[in-house]
Structures are given as C-alpha cells and as structure tokens.
Amino acid sequence: MMIKMKDQKLILEKIKQKADGLGLEFNPKIFVVNFLTKRGVNIISYLCMNPRYDKFGKNAKQRANNLTKFLHSEEIKEGTKGTVVNKRSILQYESLLKDTEHMRMFEKLTKGFKFNTAGYGPLVERSGFDSVQKNEIIFHEWAHTLLSYNKLGFYDTGEDRWKYNEGLAIFVEYYLGSYHDRDVGSLKDRLEWTKKYGNKVPFDKFLKYADIFIKLAEGPATPNKRRDALFKFFKEFKAPDKAKRWPS
C-alpha cells in the first residue's frame, strides 16, 4: 500500500463527513486504490473511455483498434494524475484486444487490480508527486468513488456529460472543507478569478460545473434534501436514458 494508514484514516473521515452532509451512503470498504506508472494510468484511462482521448475513438472498439496510434502519440505523455475505472470496462477490453503484445501489456497492467463491491477501482500515479499531492489525488478519486457508489451523476459520460461528474466531484471535495480545509468559498473566489484572467490550469475549466452543485446544495436545510436536489438535477438533465442507467 502506497498510502499511510493515518493518511487513509484522515481522508476517509473527511469523505464520511461529506457523505453525512449530503445524505449519501458511506461504506469504508468501497474505498480502494491502485497505483500504476504515469504511462500505465494513461493507457487504462484511454481504454476505459476517458473523454480527453476522444480523437482516437468514441467507443470501445475504436479505442482498441487505435491503441497503437495512442501509444505513439504525444497525448500519452499528457494524461491524468488519477482516474476511476470500472471492472466492466476492464473485462470488455480483455475481449476486444486482438494484438498479442497489447494483450500482454494490458494483462500486466491490470494484474492484481482491486475493485470495490460496486466494481470500481481508482488508479493513481505512483511517482512524480510528494505524499501530500498523492493524498490529494486519492481524495479526489475517492470523492468520485463515493458518488458512483451512490449512483449519483452520469454513468455514460460521453460528449460533455463527464464535465458534470467532474464538477460534482470537485464540489464534494471542497464541501465542508477539502483535504487542506479549503471550502466552497475558495472555489467561488477561484471561479471569479477565472472570469477575469481565464482558465490557467485544467482545474479551472470545471469550476463553472462545480458552481452548479454549490448553488443546489446551498438552499436545502437538511442532508436528505441536499441529496434529493442533486439527484433531481441529473434526473431532469437532458441526456440519453443510458447515461443515467447505473448498473444494479
């Protein structure tokens, strides 16, 4: 395990605080994490349909067919610090990859993967960050884990729907204090700053989506009403039914 027990305990305590404040179910057993190299995280993120790689394909078969092109692209060097993948996607690519070299690479990357009871397994880059930065990444991916466990957000995140999931996770991170006790007020301040100076880092482009959920949660006076307001948003959002159909 590449996270200290005291750090894991602190992060889980904060996640539970947020779950309680938003009326969400909390189960400590669902919070697992897998560590890979930056290249490994990016490859799995690519195959499991991270929208940032849509130029290589917008469905699983296209992504599998274009894997060689991705492996030799500049995009594989950019990537993401962490992501959450589901077991269904992993099993899907085991059947789609036909190239022997690709199959061996994929099997090596996913060997020993830990998934929670809902079938989700967060990935975090194992090097390139100090312990505080790494814990911040885990904190963010566990915010996603809490939301997916409660089936809150979009399951199918094609087109721009993934931005709402990302905005919701950022809101949850900062709601009632982040890993460093920054709160939603700091998100609002940063949002105002971006309006004046523009989006300087990738984080900035999700703030307008986070602001949607900040406003939704500000009105209701109880955790259950906050939860209902969040679910109501996704239920009424114009999107294909499959985007809202979480696996039972």
C-alpha atoms as a PDB file:
ATOM      1  CA  MET A   1       0.000   0.000   0.000  1.00  0.00           C
ATOM      2  CA  MET A   2       1.369   3.406  -1.011  1.00  0.00           C
ATOM      3  CA  ILE A   3      -0.737   5.450   1.383  1.00  0.00           C
ATOM      4  CA  LYS A   4      -0.026   5.675   5.100  1.00  0.00           C
ATOM      5  CA  MET A   5      -2.729   4.344   7.410  1.00  0.00           C
ATOM      6  CA  LYS A   6      -3.027   7.676   9.246  1.00  0.00           C
ATOM      7  CA  ASP A   7      -3.490   9.493   5.931  1.00  0.00           C
ATOM      8  CA  GLN A   8      -6.074   6.955   4.779  1.00  0.00           C
ATOM      9  CA  LYS A   9      -7.965   7.385   8.046  1.00  0.00           C
ATOM     10  CA  LEU A  10      -7.959  11.188   7.702  1.00  0.00           C
ATOM     11  CA  ILE A  11      -9.200  11.081   4.108  1.00  0.00           C
ATOM     12  CA  LEU A  12     -11.953   8.595   4.960  1.00  0.00           C
ATOM     13  CA  GLU A  13     -13.064  10.726   7.921  1.00  0.00           C
ATOM     14  CA  LYS A  14     -13.422  13.710   5.598  1.00  0.00           C
ATOM     15  CA  ILE A  15     -15.250  11.658   2.961  1.00  0.00           C
ATOM     16  CA  LYS A  16     -17.681  10.418   5.619  1.00  0.00           C
ATOM     17  CA  GLN A  17     -18.277  13.997   6.767  1.00  0.00           C
ATOM     18  CA  LYS A  18     -19.276  14.922   3.238  1.00  0.00           C
ATOM     19  CA  ALA A  19     -21.463  11.833   2.846  1.00  0.00           C
ATOM     20  CA  ASP A  20     -23.279  12.716   6.065  1.00  0.00           C
ATOM     21  CA  GLY A  21     -23.733  16.327   4.987  1.00  0.00           C
ATOM     22  CA  LEU A  22     -25.206  15.311   1.634  1.00  0.00           C
ATOM     23  CA  GLY A  23     -27.308  12.391   2.838  1.00  0.00           C
ATOM     24  CA  LEU A  24     -25.205   9.846   0.935  1.00  0.00           C
ATOM     25  CA  GLU A  25     -24.471   6.276   1.970  1.00  0.00           C
ATOM     26  CA  PHE A  26     -20.944   5.721   3.274  1.00  0.00           C
ATOM     27  CA  ASN A  27     -19.222   2.348   3.356  1.00  0.00           C
ATOM     28  CA  PRO A  28     -15.484   2.375   4.225  1.00  0.00           C
ATOM     29  CA  LYS A  29     -14.935  -0.937   2.420  1.00  0.00           C
ATOM     30  CA  ILE A  30     -15.558   0.610  -1.019  1.00  0.00           C
ATOM     31  CA  PHE A  31     -12.502   2.879  -0.890  1.00  0.00           C
ATOM     32  CA  VAL A  32      -9.678   1.044  -2.621  1.00  0.00           C
ATOM     33  CA  VAL A  33      -6.796   2.389  -4.707  1.00  0.00           C
ATOM     34  CA  ASN A  34      -4.407   1.023  -7.337  1.00  0.00           C
ATOM     35  CA  PHE A  35      -1.017   2.557  -8.119  1.00  0.00           C
ATOM     36  CA  LEU A  36       0.489   2.500 -11.618  1.00  0.00           C
ATOM     37  CA  THR A  37       3.137   4.391 -13.545  1.00  0.00           C
ATOM     38  CA  LYS A  38       2.016   7.562 -15.333  1.00  0.00           C
ATOM     39  CA  ARG A  39       2.082   5.662 -18.633  1.00  0.00           C
ATOM     40  CA  GLY A  40       0.023   2.839 -17.120  1.00  0.00           C
ATOM     41  CA  VAL A  41      -2.618   5.194 -15.725  1.00  0.00           C
ATOM     42  CA  ASN A  42      -2.904   6.925 -19.100  1.00  0.00           C
ATOM     43  CA  ILE A  43      -3.244   3.657 -21.049  1.00  0.00           C
ATOM     44  CA  ILE A  44      -6.007   2.326 -18.787  1.00  0.00           C
ATOM     45  CA  SER A  45      -7.682   5.736 -18.740  1.00  0.00           C
ATOM     46  CA  TYR A  46      -7.581   5.782 -22.551  1.00  0.00           C
ATOM     47  CA  LEU A  47      -9.061   2.308 -22.927  1.00  0.00           C
ATOM     48  CA  CYS A  48     -11.741   2.949 -20.321  1.00  0.00           C
ATOM     49  CA  MET A  49     -13.110   5.813 -22.390  1.00  0.00           C
ATOM     50  CA  ASN A  50     -11.662   8.928 -20.767  1.00  0.00           C
ATOM     51  CA  PRO A  51     -13.223  11.658 -22.983  1.00  0.00           C
ATOM     52  CA  ARG A  52      -9.916  13.541 -23.250  1.00  0.00           C
ATOM     53  CA  TYR A  53      -8.863  10.895 -25.810  1.00  0.00           C
ATOM     54  CA  ASP A  54     -11.984  11.038 -27.990  1.00  0.00           C
ATOM     55  CA  LYS A  55      -9.886  11.822 -31.076  1.00  0.00           C
ATOM     56  CA  PHE A  56      -8.820   8.151 -31.004  1.00  0.00           C
ATOM     57  CA  GLY A  57     -12.383   6.864 -30.873  1.00  0.00           C
ATOM     58  CA  LYS A  58     -15.691   7.365 -29.113  1.00  0.00           C
ATOM     59  CA  ASN A  59     -16.464   3.708 -28.466  1.00  0.00           C
ATOM     60  CA  ALA A  60     -14.565   0.786 -27.018  1.00  0.00           C
ATOM     61  CA  LYS A  61     -13.876  -0.967 -30.326  1.00  0.00           C
ATOM     62  CA  GLN A  62     -12.405   2.170 -31.911  1.00  0.00           C
ATOM     63  CA  ARG A  63     -10.193   2.768 -28.878  1.00  0.00           C
ATOM     64  CA  ALA A  64      -8.928  -0.829 -29.030  1.00  0.00           C
ATOM     65  CA  ASN A  65      -8.227  -0.582 -32.766  1.00  0.00           C
ATOM     66  CA  ASN A  66      -6.351   2.717 -32.330  1.00  0.00           C
ATOM     67  CA  LEU A  67      -4.277   1.668 -29.317  1.00  0.00           C
ATOM     68  CA  THR A  68      -1.022   1.524 -31.314  1.00  0.00           C
ATOM     69  CA  LYS A  69      -1.618   5.067 -32.574  1.00  0.00           C
ATOM     70  CA  PHE A  70      -2.255   6.246 -28.997  1.00  0.00           C
ATOM     71  CA  LEU A  71       0.872   4.518 -27.664  1.00  0.00           C
ATOM     72  CA  HIS A  72       2.980   6.511 -30.158  1.00  0.00           C
ATOM     73  CA  SER A  73       1.166   9.821 -29.673  1.00  0.00           C
ATOM     74  CA  GLU A  74       2.026  12.911 -27.644  1.00  0.00           C
ATOM     75  CA  GLU A  75      -1.269  12.518 -25.763  1.00  0.00           C
ATOM     76  CA  ILE A  76       0.041   9.529 -23.809  1.00  0.00           C
ATOM     77  CA  LYS A  77       2.602  11.832 -22.195  1.00  0.00           C
ATOM     78  CA  GLU A  78      -0.011  14.347 -21.020  1.00  0.00           C
ATOM     79  CA  GLY A  79      -2.699  12.219 -19.432  1.00  0.00           C
ATOM     80  CA  THR A  80      -4.135  12.434 -15.967  1.00  0.00           C
ATOM     81  CA  LYS A  81      -2.871  12.020 -12.400  1.00  0.00           C
ATOM     82  CA  GLY A  82      -5.652   9.658 -11.438  1.00  0.00           C
ATOM     83  CA  THR A  83      -8.906   8.182 -12.667  1.00  0.00           C
ATOM     84  CA  VAL A  84     -11.621   5.734 -11.689  1.00  0.00           C
ATOM     85  CA  VAL A  85     -12.251   2.701 -13.896  1.00  0.00           C
ATOM     86  CA  ASN A  86     -14.881   0.015 -13.630  1.00  0.00           C
ATOM     87  CA  LYS A  87     -14.443  -3.724 -13.845  1.00  0.00           C
ATOM     88  CA  ARG A  88     -16.850  -3.984 -16.751  1.00  0.00           C
ATOM     89  CA  SER A  89     -14.540  -1.863 -18.908  1.00  0.00           C
ATOM     90  CA  ILE A  90     -11.521  -3.967 -17.964  1.00  0.00           C
ATOM     91  CA  LEU A  91     -13.330  -7.195 -18.895  1.00  0.00           C
ATOM     92  CA  GLN A  92     -14.562  -5.616 -22.120  1.00  0.00           C
ATOM     93  CA  TYR A  93     -11.059  -4.796 -23.299  1.00  0.00           C
ATOM     94  CA  GLU A  94      -9.780  -8.247 -22.471  1.00  0.00           C
ATOM     95  CA  SER A  95     -12.080  -9.453 -25.254  1.00  0.00           C
ATOM     96  CA  LEU A  96     -11.508  -6.557 -27.673  1.00  0.00           C
ATOM     97  CA  LEU A  97      -7.712  -6.516 -27.794  1.00  0.00           C
ATOM     98  CA  LYS A  98      -6.515  -8.902 -30.511  1.00  0.00           C
ATOM     99  CA  ASP A  99      -2.838  -7.955 -30.783  1.00  0.00           C
ATOM    100  CA  THR A 100      -0.761 -10.362 -28.632  1.00  0.00           C
ATOM    101  CA  GLU A 101       1.614  -7.619 -27.478  1.00  0.00           C
ATOM    102  CA  HIS A 102      -1.270  -5.371 -26.474  1.00  0.00           C
ATOM    103  CA  MET A 103      -2.965  -8.224 -24.627  1.00  0.00           C
ATOM    104  CA  ARG A 104       0.162  -8.985 -22.614  1.00  0.00           C
ATOM    105  CA  MET A 105       0.666  -5.312 -21.802  1.00  0.00           C
ATOM    106  CA  PHE A 106      -2.951  -4.964 -20.670  1.00  0.00           C
ATOM    107  CA  GLU A 107      -2.815  -8.130 -18.561  1.00  0.00           C
ATOM    108  CA  LYS A 108       0.374  -6.925 -16.887  1.00  0.00           C
ATOM    109  CA  LEU A 109      -1.125  -3.511 -16.123  1.00  0.00           C
ATOM    110  CA  THR A 110      -4.368  -4.876 -14.686  1.00  0.00           C
ATOM    111  CA  LYS A 111      -2.945  -7.867 -12.816  1.00  0.00           C
ATOM    112  CA  GLY A 112      -3.921  -7.638  -9.158  1.00  0.00           C
ATOM    113  CA  PHE A 113      -6.307  -4.713  -9.665  1.00  0.00           C
ATOM    114  CA  LYS A 114      -8.506  -4.057  -6.661  1.00  0.00           C
ATOM    115  CA  PHE A 115     -12.160  -3.205  -7.281  1.00  0.00           C
ATOM    116  CA  ASN A 116     -14.787  -2.337  -4.693  1.00  0.00           C
ATOM    117  CA  THR A 117     -18.120  -4.115  -4.315  1.00  0.00           C
ATOM    118  CA  ALA A 118     -19.679  -1.807  -6.928  1.00  0.00           C
ATOM    119  CA  GLY A 119     -16.965  -2.752  -9.443  1.00  0.00           C
ATOM    120  CA  TYR A 120     -14.949   0.474  -9.321  1.00  0.00           C
ATOM    121  CA  GLY A 121     -11.196   0.780  -8.852  1.00  0.00           C
ATOM    122  CA  PRO A 122      -9.432   4.162  -8.674  1.00  0.00           C
ATOM    123  CA  LEU A 123      -5.989   4.461 -10.304  1.00  0.00           C
ATOM    124  CA  VAL A 124      -3.333   6.877  -9.057  1.00  0.00           C
ATOM    125  CA  GLU A 125       0.098   7.625 -10.483  1.00  0.00           C
ATOM    126  CA  ARG A 126       2.657   6.110  -8.129  1.00  0.00           C
ATOM    127  CA  SER A 127       5.540   8.563  -8.678  1.00  0.00           C
ATOM    128  CA  GLY A 128       6.140  12.190  -9.576  1.00  0.00           C
ATOM    129  CA  PHE A 129       4.307  13.604  -6.541  1.00  0.00           C
ATOM    130  CA  ASP A 130       5.084  14.045  -2.883  1.00  0.00           C
ATOM    131  CA  SER A 131       2.866  12.334  -0.313  1.00  0.00           C
ATOM    132  CA  VAL A 132       0.623  15.372   0.170  1.00  0.00           C
ATOM    133  CA  GLN A 133      -0.042  15.724  -3.567  1.00  0.00           C
ATOM    134  CA  LYS A 134      -0.661  11.985  -3.871  1.00  0.00           C
ATOM    135  CA  ASN A 135      -3.149  12.077  -0.999  1.00  0.00           C
ATOM    136  CA  GLU A 136      -4.949  14.976  -2.680  1.00  0.00           C
ATOM    137  CA  ILE A 137      -5.318  12.878  -5.835  1.00  0.00           C
ATOM    138  CA  ILE A 138      -6.622   9.928  -3.800  1.00  0.00           C
ATOM    139  CA  PHE A 139      -9.012  12.277  -2.017  1.00  0.00           C
ATOM    140  CA  HIS A 140     -10.430  13.409  -5.359  1.00  0.00           C
ATOM    141  CA  GLU A 141     -10.753   9.880  -6.746  1.00  0.00           C
ATOM    142  CA  TRP A 142     -12.459   8.741  -3.540  1.00  0.00           C
ATOM    143  CA  ALA A 143     -14.936  11.604  -3.941  1.00  0.00           C
ATOM    144  CA  HIS A 144     -15.762  10.044  -7.327  1.00  0.00           C
ATOM    145  CA  THR A 145     -15.968   6.654  -5.594  1.00  0.00           C
ATOM    146  CA  LEU A 146     -18.493   7.941  -3.061  1.00  0.00           C
ATOM    147  CA  LEU A 147     -20.637   9.381  -5.846  1.00  0.00           C
ATOM    148  CA  SER A 148     -20.518   6.286  -8.064  1.00  0.00           C
ATOM    149  CA  TYR A 149     -21.366   4.068  -5.089  1.00  0.00           C
ATOM    150  CA  ASN A 150     -24.469   6.200  -4.536  1.00  0.00           C
ATOM    151  CA  LYS A 151     -25.220   6.165  -8.298  1.00  0.00           C
ATOM    152  CA  LEU A 152     -25.122   9.938  -8.398  1.00  0.00           C
ATOM    153  CA  GLY A 153     -24.052  11.577 -11.636  1.00  0.00           C
ATOM    154  CA  PHE A 154     -23.910  10.171 -15.163  1.00  0.00           C
ATOM    155  CA  TYR A 155     -22.928   6.566 -15.778  1.00  0.00           C
ATOM    156  CA  ASP A 156     -22.391   7.019 -19.519  1.00  0.00           C
ATOM    157  CA  THR A 157     -20.236  10.154 -19.691  1.00  0.00           C
ATOM    158  CA  GLY A 158     -19.966  10.680 -23.437  1.00  0.00           C
ATOM    159  CA  GLU A 159     -19.919  14.118 -25.057  1.00  0.00           C
ATOM    160  CA  ASP A 160     -19.698  16.775 -22.328  1.00  0.00           C
ATOM    161  CA  ARG A 161     -21.528  14.890 -19.591  1.00  0.00           C
ATOM    162  CA  TRP A 162     -18.259  13.888 -17.908  1.00  0.00           C
ATOM    163  CA  LYS A 163     -17.693  17.554 -17.046  1.00  0.00           C
ATOM    164  CA  TYR A 164     -20.732  17.474 -14.764  1.00  0.00           C
ATOM    165  CA  ASN A 165     -19.371  14.405 -12.966  1.00  0.00           C
ATOM    166  CA  GLU A 166     -16.043  16.175 -12.565  1.00  0.00           C
ATOM    167  CA  GLY A 167     -17.685  19.358 -11.319  1.00  0.00           C
ATOM    168  CA  LEU A 168     -19.725  17.368  -8.806  1.00  0.00           C
ATOM    169  CA  ALA A 169     -16.616  15.579  -7.511  1.00  0.00           C
ATOM    170  CA  ILE A 170     -14.806  18.903  -7.072  1.00  0.00           C
ATOM    171  CA  PHE A 171     -17.799  20.304  -5.208  1.00  0.00           C
ATOM    172  CA  VAL A 172     -17.827  17.267  -2.898  1.00  0.00           C
ATOM    173  CA  GLU A 173     -14.080  17.668  -2.305  1.00  0.00           C
ATOM    174  CA  TYR A 174     -14.497  21.225  -1.085  1.00  0.00           C
ATOM    175  CA  TYR A 175     -17.892  20.866   0.590  1.00  0.00           C
ATOM    176  CA  LEU A 176     -17.381  21.166   4.377  1.00  0.00           C
ATOM    177  CA  GLY A 177     -13.647  21.602   3.828  1.00  0.00           C
ATOM    178  CA  SER A 178     -11.165  19.955   1.473  1.00  0.00           C
ATOM    179  CA  TYR A 179      -8.070  17.902   2.296  1.00  0.00           C
ATOM    180  CA  HIS A 180      -6.454  21.184   3.358  1.00  0.00           C
ATOM    181  CA  ASP A 181      -9.696  22.619   4.773  1.00  0.00           C
ATOM    182  CA  ARG A 182     -10.339  24.905   1.818  1.00  0.00           C
ATOM    183  CA  ASP A 183     -14.087  25.284   1.408  1.00  0.00           C
ATOM    184  CA  VAL A 184     -16.584  26.138  -1.337  1.00  0.00           C
ATOM    185  CA  GLY A 185     -15.850  29.815  -0.726  1.00  0.00           C
ATOM    186  CA  SER A 186     -12.381  29.274  -2.188  1.00  0.00           C
ATOM    187  CA  LEU A 187     -13.969  27.658  -5.251  1.00  0.00           C
ATOM    188  CA  LYS A 188     -16.197  30.704  -5.718  1.00  0.00           C
ATOM    189  CA  ASP A 189     -13.185  33.007  -5.391  1.00  0.00           C
ATOM    190  CA  ARG A 190     -11.270  30.984  -7.960  1.00  0.00           C
ATOM    191  CA  LEU A 191     -14.262  31.000 -10.303  1.00  0.00           C
ATOM    192  CA  GLU A 192     -14.423  34.793 -10.140  1.00  0.00           C
ATOM    193  CA  TRP A 193     -10.679  34.909 -10.776  1.00  0.00           C
ATOM    194  CA  THR A 194     -11.062  32.789 -13.938  1.00  0.00           C
ATOM    195  CA  LYS A 195     -13.754  35.134 -15.228  1.00  0.00           C
ATOM    196  CA  LYS A 196     -11.202  37.917 -15.085  1.00  0.00           C
ATOM    197  CA  TYR A 197      -7.998  36.113 -16.063  1.00  0.00           C
ATOM    198  CA  GLY A 198      -9.187  32.970 -17.889  1.00  0.00           C
ATOM    199  CA  ASN A 199      -8.584  29.285 -17.255  1.00  0.00           C
ATOM    200  CA  LYS A 200      -4.914  28.899 -16.384  1.00  0.00           C
ATOM    201  CA  VAL A 201      -4.918  25.212 -15.337  1.00  0.00           C
ATOM    202  CA  PRO A 202      -7.204  22.248 -16.242  1.00  0.00           C
ATOM    203  CA  PHE A 203      -8.882  22.504 -12.816  1.00  0.00           C
ATOM    204  CA  ASP A 204     -10.282  25.933 -13.721  1.00  0.00           C
ATOM    205  CA  LYS A 205     -12.460  24.712 -16.582  1.00  0.00           C
ATOM    206  CA  PHE A 206     -14.539  22.555 -14.216  1.00  0.00           C
ATOM    207  CA  LEU A 207     -15.340  25.343 -11.752  1.00  0.00           C
ATOM    208  CA  LYS A 208     -18.471  26.532 -13.545  1.00  0.00           C
ATOM    209  CA  TYR A 209     -19.815  22.976 -13.246  1.00  0.00           C
ATOM    210  CA  ALA A 210     -18.879  22.783  -9.571  1.00  0.00           C
ATOM    211  CA  ASP A 211     -20.704  26.077  -9.053  1.00  0.00           C
ATOM    212  CA  ILE A 212     -23.947  24.445 -10.245  1.00  0.00           C
ATOM    213  CA  PHE A 213     -23.801  21.997  -7.343  1.00  0.00           C
ATOM    214  CA  ILE A 214     -22.680  24.597  -4.833  1.00  0.00           C
ATOM    215  CA  LYS A 215     -25.871  26.544  -5.572  1.00  0.00           C
ATOM    216  CA  LEU A 216     -28.042  23.412  -5.479  1.00  0.00           C
ATOM    217  CA  ALA A 217     -26.751  22.449  -2.034  1.00  0.00           C
ATOM    218  CA  GLU A 218     -26.920  25.935  -0.528  1.00  0.00           C
ATOM    219  CA  GLY A 219     -30.711  26.102  -0.379  1.00  0.00           C
ATOM    220  CA  PRO A 220     -31.871  22.807   1.237  1.00  0.00           C
ATOM    221  CA  ALA A 221     -31.623  22.748   5.032  1.00  0.00           C
ATOM    222  CA  THR A 222     -31.158  19.003   5.598  1.00  0.00           C
ATOM    223  CA  PRO A 223     -28.790  16.326   4.200  1.00  0.00           C
ATOM    224  CA  ASN A 224     -31.675  14.384   2.648  1.00  0.00           C
ATOM    225  CA  LYS A 225     -32.984  17.473   0.881  1.00  0.00           C
ATOM    226  CA  ARG A 226     -29.490  18.262  -0.426  1.00  0.00           C
ATOM    227  CA  ARG A 227     -29.219  14.716  -1.749  1.00  0.00           C
ATOM    228  CA  ASP A 228     -32.653  14.985  -3.382  1.00  0.00           C
ATOM    229  CA  ALA A 229     -31.684  18.262  -5.052  1.00  0.00           C
ATOM    230  CA  LEU A 230     -28.573  16.655  -6.560  1.00  0.00           C
ATOM    231  CA  PHE A 231     -30.451  13.593  -7.817  1.00  0.00           C
ATOM    232  CA  LYS A 232     -33.210  15.789  -9.210  1.00  0.00           C
ATOM    233  CA  PHE A 233     -30.649  17.701 -11.277  1.00  0.00           C
ATOM    234  CA  PHE A 234     -29.341  14.576 -13.003  1.00  0.00           C
ATOM    235  CA  LYS A 235     -32.805  13.099 -13.421  1.00  0.00           C
ATOM    236  CA  GLU A 236     -34.060  16.196 -15.232  1.00  0.00           C
ATOM    237  CA  PHE A 237     -30.900  16.887 -17.211  1.00  0.00           C
ATOM    238  CA  LYS A 238     -31.458  16.371 -20.938  1.00  0.00           C
ATOM    239  CA  ALA A 239     -29.379  13.304 -21.738  1.00  0.00           C
ATOM    240  CA  PRO A 240     -29.890   9.804 -23.188  1.00  0.00           C
ATOM    241  CA  ASP A 241     -31.516   7.366 -20.800  1.00  0.00           C
ATOM    242  CA  LYS A 242     -28.420   5.121 -20.908  1.00  0.00           C
ATOM    243  CA  ALA A 243     -26.374   7.968 -19.421  1.00  0.00           C
ATOM    244  CA  LYS A 244     -28.468   7.741 -16.269  1.00  0.00           C
ATOM    245  CA  ARG A 245     -28.820   3.963 -16.117  1.00  0.00           C
ATOM    246  CA  TRP A 246     -26.401   2.800 -13.442  1.00  0.00           C
ATOM    247  CA  PRO A 247     -25.788  -0.974 -13.167  1.00  0.00           C
ATOM    248  CA  SER A 248     -27.892  -2.609 -10.482  1.00  0.00           C
END
